[in-house]
Amino acid sequence: MSIKPIDLQTLFVKLDEVGKEQSIAKDQAALQQSQAARAQVAKELEEDRRVGESTEESEAQAVKDEDEGQSGSQRRGRKSQDDEQAENAPQKEVVTDPQVGKHIDISG
């Protein structure tokens, strides 16, 4: 099967379209990667703008749920253990100077 001049004319007209398609196919991987990167950046910015849940609230809820699961005598026993530990803890001794704030040194 040979190529005739009329076929060449058709091929030369379509050559520009074929070049564009090959260029797009070659650059498609880079385009997809850049679009994925833009989507990731947009997602991170959205997460930065959003206010997160406080960890204090979740900890308080966990303690509340734990207390609800225990019976009254268990709670009392736990509280008395906590009180005993607080009483057995060494008290910090605070030492103050009785002369502080009474005399003014103007000798300089």
Protein backbone atom coordinates (compact mmCIF):
# COMPACT_ATOMS: atom_id res chain seq x y z
CA MET A 1 0.00 0.00 0.00
CA SER A 2 1.61 3.17 -1.15
CA ILE A 3 1.00 6.75 -0.04
CA LYS A 4 -0.28 8.99 -2.78
CA PRO A 5 0.06 12.80 -2.91
CA ILE A 6 -3.60 13.28 -1.97
CA ASP A 7 -3.04 11.18 1.17
CA LEU A 8 -0.02 13.31 2.07
CA GLN A 9 -2.09 16.46 1.83
CA THR A 10 -4.57 15.03 4.33
CA LEU A 11 -1.78 13.85 6.61
CA PHE A 12 -0.06 17.25 6.61
CA VAL A 13 -3.33 18.94 7.62
CA LYS A 14 -3.81 16.48 10.50
CA LEU A 15 -0.15 16.71 11.57
CA ASP A 16 -0.78 19.77 13.77
CA GLU A 17 -3.60 18.01 15.64
CA VAL A 18 -1.50 14.90 16.18
CA GLY A 19 1.33 17.00 17.61
CA LYS A 20 -1.03 18.68 20.07
CA GLU A 21 -2.44 15.32 21.20
CA GLN A 22 1.04 13.87 21.76
CA SER A 23 2.11 16.96 23.68
CA ILE A 24 -0.95 16.72 25.91
CA ALA A 25 -0.38 13.00 26.49
CA LYS A 26 3.24 13.66 27.45
CA ASP A 27 2.36 16.50 29.85
CA GLN A 28 -0.69 14.78 31.32
CA ALA A 29 1.22 13.16 34.24
CA ALA A 30 2.75 16.50 35.28
CA LEU A 31 -0.65 18.21 35.00
CA GLN A 32 -2.32 15.61 37.19
CA GLN A 33 0.43 15.92 39.78
CA SER A 34 0.16 19.71 39.91
CA GLN A 35 -3.64 19.52 40.20
CA ALA A 36 -3.32 17.03 43.08
CA ALA A 37 -0.81 19.34 44.78
CA ARG A 38 -3.17 22.33 44.42
CA ALA A 39 -6.04 20.28 45.85
CA GLN A 40 -3.87 19.24 48.81
CA VAL A 41 -2.84 22.85 49.51
CA ALA A 42 -6.47 23.98 49.35
CA LYS A 43 -7.46 21.20 51.76
CA GLU A 44 -4.71 22.17 54.22
CA LEU A 45 -5.71 25.83 54.09
CA GLU A 46 -9.31 24.88 54.80
CA GLU A 47 -8.22 22.76 57.77
CA ASP A 48 -6.13 25.67 59.08
CA ARG A 49 -9.14 27.99 58.94
CA ARG A 50 -11.40 25.54 60.74
CA VAL A 51 -11.43 25.51 64.54
CA GLY A 52 -10.44 22.16 65.99
CA GLU A 53 -12.09 20.36 68.87
CA SER A 54 -10.58 21.12 72.25
CA THR A 55 -8.78 18.25 73.95
CA GLU A 56 -9.88 19.51 77.37
CA GLU A 57 -13.51 18.87 76.53
CA SER A 58 -12.82 15.32 75.41
CA GLU A 59 -10.77 14.61 78.55
CA ALA A 60 -13.51 16.02 80.75
CA GLN A 61 -16.08 13.89 78.94
CA ALA A 62 -13.90 10.78 79.43
CA VAL A 63 -13.69 11.44 83.18
CA LYS A 64 -17.44 12.07 83.34
CA ASP A 65 -18.14 8.83 81.47
CA GLU A 66 -15.77 6.98 83.78
CA ASP A 67 -17.53 8.33 86.88
CA GLU A 68 -20.95 7.42 85.48
CA GLY A 69 -19.82 3.84 85.01
CA GLN A 70 -18.83 3.44 88.67
CA SER A 71 -21.26 2.85 91.51
CA GLY A 72 -21.58 5.30 94.38
CA SER A 73 -19.43 3.29 96.81
CA GLN A 74 -16.64 3.01 94.23
CA ARG A 75 -16.71 6.76 93.71
CA ARG A 76 -16.56 7.38 97.46
CA GLY A 77 -13.66 4.96 97.81
CA ARG A 78 -11.80 6.65 95.00
CA LYS A 79 -12.39 10.10 96.50
CA SER A 80 -11.15 8.96 99.91
CA GLN A 81 -7.99 7.53 98.31
CA ASP A 82 -7.40 10.85 96.58
CA ASP A 83 -7.89 12.69 99.91
CA GLU A 84 -5.41 10.36 101.65
CA GLN A 85 -2.83 10.94 98.96
CA ALA A 86 -3.28 14.71 99.28
CA GLU A 87 -2.84 14.53 103.05
CA ASN A 88 0.26 12.33 102.80
CA ALA A 89 1.91 14.64 100.28
CA PRO A 90 4.67 16.76 101.85
CA GLN A 91 3.63 20.35 102.42
CA LYS A 92 5.86 23.02 100.92
CA GLU A 93 7.29 25.30 103.56
CA VAL A 94 7.01 28.99 102.74
CA VAL A 95 9.66 31.14 104.40
CA THR A 96 9.15 34.89 104.57
CA ASP A 97 11.48 37.56 105.88
CA PRO A 98 9.74 39.70 108.53
CA GLN A 99 11.92 42.71 107.65
CA VAL A 100 10.87 42.80 103.98
CA GLY A 101 8.99 46.00 103.18
CA LYS A 102 9.63 47.70 106.53
CA HIS A 103 12.92 49.51 105.97
CA ILE A 104 13.91 51.78 103.08
CA ASP A 105 17.60 52.07 102.23
CA ILE A 106 18.30 55.61 101.02
CA SER A 107 22.07 55.49 101.34
CA GLY A 108 22.26 54.41 97.72
